[in-house]
C-alpha cells in the first residue's frame, strides 16, 4: 500500500522524536512534551 508524502513526513518526524526522547539529558518538561508529540503522531498514523 503506497503512503502519501504527509504520512512519510510524519513517520520521519516520529522517528526523530523517538531518537530525541532516547537521550538522557532531557529535563522532565521537555520529556513530557516529546512524549505527547509522539502519542499524537502515533495516533494520526494508526500505530
PDB file of N, CA and C in Angstrom:
ATOM      1  N   UNK A   1       0.845  -1.179   0.000  1.00  0.00           N
ATOM      2  CA  UNK A   1       0.000   0.000   0.000  1.00  0.00           C
ATOM      3  C   UNK A   1       0.886   1.235   0.000  1.00  0.00           C
ATOM      4  N   UNK A   2       0.745   2.108  -0.992  1.00  0.00           N
ATOM      5  CA  UNK A   2       1.549   3.325  -1.043  1.00  0.00           C
ATOM      6  C   UNK A   2       1.144   4.302   0.066  1.00  0.00           C
ATOM      7  N   UNK A   3       2.117   5.069   0.514  1.00  0.00           N
ATOM      8  CA  UNK A   3       1.821   6.077   1.526  1.00  0.00           C
ATOM      9  C   UNK A   3       1.969   7.454   0.908  1.00  0.00           C
ATOM     10  N   UNK A   4       1.277   8.416   1.495  1.00  0.00           N
ATOM     11  CA  UNK A   4       1.344   9.781   0.979  1.00  0.00           C
ATOM     12  C   UNK A   4       2.600  10.476   1.501  1.00  0.00           C
ATOM     13  N   UNK A   5       2.895  11.603   0.914  1.00  0.00           N
ATOM     14  CA  UNK A   5       4.044  12.394   1.358  1.00  0.00           C
ATOM     15  C   UNK A   5       3.862  12.838   2.802  1.00  0.00           C
ATOM     16  N   UNK A   6       2.638  13.149   3.165  1.00  0.00           N
ATOM     17  CA  UNK A   6       2.354  13.588   4.533  1.00  0.00           C
ATOM     18  C   UNK A   6       2.625  12.452   5.513  1.00  0.00           C
ATOM     19  N   UNK A   7       2.179  11.251   5.174  1.00  0.00           N
ATOM     20  CA  UNK A   7       2.426  10.101   6.046  1.00  0.00           C
ATOM     21  C   UNK A   7       3.924   9.815   6.173  1.00  0.00           C
ATOM     22  N   UNK A   8       4.626   9.948   5.078  1.00  0.00           N
ATOM     23  CA  UNK A   8       6.075   9.726   5.112  1.00  0.00           C
ATOM     24  C   UNK A   8       6.743  10.767   6.010  1.00  0.00           C
ATOM     25  N   UNK A   9       6.356  12.012   5.857  1.00  0.00           N
ATOM     26  CA  UNK A   9       6.922  13.090   6.672  1.00  0.00           C
ATOM     27  C   UNK A   9       6.640  12.853   8.144  1.00  0.00           C
ATOM     28  N   UNK A  10       5.411  12.490   8.472  1.00  0.00           N
ATOM     29  CA  UNK A  10       5.052  12.241   9.866  1.00  0.00           C
ATOM     30  C   UNK A  10       5.796  11.034  10.431  1.00  0.00           C
ATOM     31  N   UNK A  11       6.028  10.025   9.612  1.00  0.00           N
ATOM     32  CA  UNK A  11       6.794   8.862  10.057  1.00  0.00           C
ATOM     33  C   UNK A  11       8.236   9.267  10.371  1.00  0.00           C
ATOM     34  N   UNK A  12       8.815  10.103   9.526  1.00  0.00           N
ATOM     35  CA  UNK A  12      10.179  10.582   9.767  1.00  0.00           C
ATOM     36  C   UNK A  12      10.241  11.450  11.018  1.00  0.00           C
ATOM     37  N   UNK A  13       9.218  12.274  11.234  1.00  0.00           N
ATOM     38  CA  UNK A  13       9.145  13.093  12.452  1.00  0.00           C
ATOM     39  C   UNK A  13       9.076  12.198  13.679  1.00  0.00           C
ATOM     40  N   UNK A  14       8.266  11.163  13.596  1.00  0.00           N
ATOM     41  CA  UNK A  14       8.108  10.236  14.713  1.00  0.00           C
ATOM     42  C   UNK A  14       9.444   9.577  15.060  1.00  0.00           C
ATOM     43  N   UNK A  15      10.163   9.125  14.058  1.00  0.00           N
ATOM     44  CA  UNK A  15      11.465   8.506  14.300  1.00  0.00           C
ATOM     45  C   UNK A  15      12.441   9.491  14.943  1.00  0.00           C
ATOM     46  N   UNK A  16      12.440  10.728  14.484  1.00  0.00           N
ATOM     47  CA  UNK A  16      13.333  11.742  15.043  1.00  0.00           C
ATOM     48  C   UNK A  16      12.962  12.057  16.498  1.00  0.00           C
ATOM     49  N   UNK A  17      11.674  12.137  16.792  1.00  0.00           N
ATOM     50  CA  UNK A  17      11.234  12.418  18.160  1.00  0.00           C
ATOM     51  C   UNK A  17      11.606  11.269  19.096  1.00  0.00           C
ATOM     52  N   UNK A  18      11.453  10.037  18.625  1.00  0.00           N
ATOM     53  CA  UNK A  18      11.816   8.881  19.453  1.00  0.00           C
ATOM     54  C   UNK A  18      13.316   8.854  19.714  1.00  0.00           C
ATOM     55  N   UNK A  19      14.098   9.223  18.715  1.00  0.00           N
ATOM     56  CA  UNK A  19      15.549   9.281  18.893  1.00  0.00           C
ATOM     57  C   UNK A  19      15.904  10.356  19.921  1.00  0.00           C
ATOM     58  N   UNK A  20      15.257  11.497  19.815  1.00  0.00           N
ATOM     59  CA  UNK A  20      15.491  12.602  20.772  1.00  0.00           C
ATOM     60  C   UNK A  20      15.077  12.177  22.179  1.00  0.00           C
ATOM     61  N   UNK A  21      13.978  11.468  22.295  1.00  0.00           N
ATOM     62  CA  UNK A  21      13.483  11.017  23.591  1.00  0.00           C
ATOM     63  C   UNK A  21      14.454  10.047  24.258  1.00  0.00           C
ATOM     64  N   UNK A  22      15.204   9.318  23.461  1.00  0.00           N
ATOM     65  CA  UNK A  22      16.153   8.340  23.998  1.00  0.00           C
ATOM     66  C   UNK A  22      17.368   8.999  24.660  1.00  0.00           C
ATOM     67  N   UNK A  23      17.564  10.286  24.413  1.00  0.00           N
ATOM     68  CA  UNK A  23      18.682  10.991  25.035  1.00  0.00           C
ATOM     69  C   UNK A  23      18.442  11.129  26.534  1.00  0.00           C
ATOM     70  N   UNK A  24      19.500  11.026  27.291  1.00  0.00           N
ATOM     71  CA  UNK A  24      19.377  11.052  28.741  1.00  0.00           C
ATOM     72  C   UNK A  24      19.344  12.462  29.324  1.00  0.00           C
ATOM     73  N   UNK A  25      19.757  13.464  28.584  1.00  0.00           N
ATOM     74  CA  UNK A  25      19.921  14.814  29.120  1.00  0.00           C
ATOM     75  C   UNK A  25      18.676  15.687  28.985  1.00  0.00           C
ATOM     76  N   UNK A  26      17.510  15.099  28.969  1.00  0.00           N
ATOM     77  CA  UNK A  26      16.270  15.865  28.828  1.00  0.00           C
ATOM     78  C   UNK A  26      15.721  16.226  30.195  1.00  0.00           C
ATOM     79  N   UNK A  27      15.220  17.459  30.304  1.00  0.00           N
ATOM     80  CA  UNK A  27      14.548  17.795  31.556  1.00  0.00           C
ATOM     81  C   UNK A  27      13.135  17.214  31.508  1.00  0.00           C
ATOM     82  N   UNK A  28      12.508  17.041  32.663  1.00  0.00           N
ATOM     83  CA  UNK A  28      11.185  16.384  32.709  1.00  0.00           C
ATOM     84  C   UNK A  28      10.126  17.067  31.849  1.00  0.00           C
ATOM     85  N   UNK A  29      10.164  18.383  31.773  1.00  0.00           N
ATOM     86  CA  UNK A  29       9.170  19.102  30.977  1.00  0.00           C
ATOM     87  C   UNK A  29       9.350  18.811  29.484  1.00  0.00           C
ATOM     88  N   UNK A  30      10.595  18.815  29.032  1.00  0.00           N
ATOM     89  CA  UNK A  30      10.879  18.526  27.627  1.00  0.00           C
ATOM     90  C   UNK A  30      10.517  17.073  27.292  1.00  0.00           C
ATOM     91  N   UNK A  31      10.816  16.160  28.206  1.00  0.00           N
ATOM     92  CA  UNK A  31      10.487  14.741  28.009  1.00  0.00           C
ATOM     93  C   UNK A  31       8.973  14.563  27.858  1.00  0.00           C
ATOM     94  N   UNK A  32       8.212  15.230  28.712  1.00  0.00           N
ATOM     95  CA  UNK A  32       6.748  15.127  28.662  1.00  0.00           C
ATOM     96  C   UNK A  32       6.209  15.682  27.344  1.00  0.00           C
ATOM     97  N   UNK A  33       6.783  16.796  26.890  1.00  0.00           N
ATOM     98  CA  UNK A  33       6.353  17.399  25.635  1.00  0.00           C
ATOM     99  C   UNK A  33       6.639  16.462  24.453  1.00  0.00           C
ATOM    100  N   UNK A  34       7.817  15.853  24.446  1.00  0.00           N
ATOM    101  CA  UNK A  34       8.156  14.907  23.387  1.00  0.00           C
ATOM    102  C   UNK A  34       7.230  13.698  23.400  1.00  0.00           C
ATOM    103  N   UNK A  35       6.933  13.185  24.593  1.00  0.00           N
ATOM    104  CA  UNK A  35       6.037  12.028  24.698  1.00  0.00           C
ATOM    105  C   UNK A  35       4.653  12.363  24.164  1.00  0.00           C
ATOM    106  N   UNK A  36       4.182  13.571  24.417  1.00  0.00           N
ATOM    107  CA  UNK A  36       2.867  13.989  23.911  1.00  0.00           C
ATOM    108  C   UNK A  36       2.884  14.080  22.383  1.00  0.00           C
ATOM    109  N   UNK A  37       3.939  14.660  21.827  1.00  0.00           N
ATOM    110  CA  UNK A  37       4.058  14.750  20.371  1.00  0.00           C
ATOM    111  C   UNK A  37       4.095  13.364  19.743  1.00  0.00           C
ATOM    112  N   UNK A  38       4.823  12.449  20.367  1.00  0.00           N
ATOM    113  CA  UNK A  38       4.911  11.073  19.869  1.00  0.00           C
ATOM    114  C   UNK A  38       3.547  10.401  19.900  1.00  0.00           C
ATOM    115  N   UNK A  39       2.827  10.548  21.009  1.00  0.00           N
ATOM    116  CA  UNK A  39       1.482   9.947  21.110  1.00  0.00           C
ATOM    117  C   UNK A  39       0.560  10.481  20.018  1.00  0.00           C
ATOM    118  N   UNK A  40       0.609  11.792  19.771  1.00  0.00           N
ATOM    119  CA  UNK A  40      -0.251  12.390  18.745  1.00  0.00           C
ATOM    120  C   UNK A  40       0.093  11.872  17.353  1.00  0.00           C
ATOM    121  N   UNK A  41       1.378  11.786  17.046  1.00  0.00           N
ATOM    122  CA  UNK A  41       1.774  11.266  15.729  1.00  0.00           C
ATOM    123  C   UNK A  41       1.388   9.807  15.571  1.00  0.00           C
ATOM    124  N   UNK A  42       1.614   9.013  16.596  1.00  0.00           N
ATOM    125  CA  UNK A  42       1.245   7.592  16.529  1.00  0.00           C
ATOM    126  C   UNK A  42      -0.254   7.437  16.325  1.00  0.00           C
ATOM    127  N   UNK A  43      -1.028   8.266  16.969  1.00  0.00           N
ATOM    128  CA  UNK A  43      -2.490   8.203  16.808  1.00  0.00           C
ATOM    129  C   UNK A  43      -2.881   8.544  15.372  1.00  0.00           C
ATOM    130  N   UNK A  44      -2.266   9.603  14.815  1.00  0.00           N
ATOM    131  CA  UNK A  44      -2.583  10.003  13.436  1.00  0.00           C
ATOM    132  C   UNK A  44      -2.171   8.927  12.442  1.00  0.00           C
ATOM    133  N   UNK A  45      -1.066   8.263  12.724  1.00  0.00           N
ATOM    134  CA  UNK A  45      -0.561   7.231  11.811  1.00  0.00           C
ATOM    135  C   UNK A  45      -1.219   5.860  12.058  1.00  0.00           C
ATOM    136  N   UNK A  46      -2.019   5.757  13.087  1.00  0.00           N
ATOM    137  CA  UNK A  46      -2.697   4.493  13.378  1.00  0.00           C
ATOM    138  C   UNK A  46      -1.772   3.442  13.944  1.00  0.00           C
ATOM    139  N   UNK A  47      -0.793   3.861  14.721  1.00  0.00           N
ATOM    140  CA  UNK A  47       0.168   2.913  15.316  1.00  0.00           C
ATOM    141  C   UNK A  47      -0.201   2.603  16.743  1.00  0.00           C
TER     142      UNK A  47
END
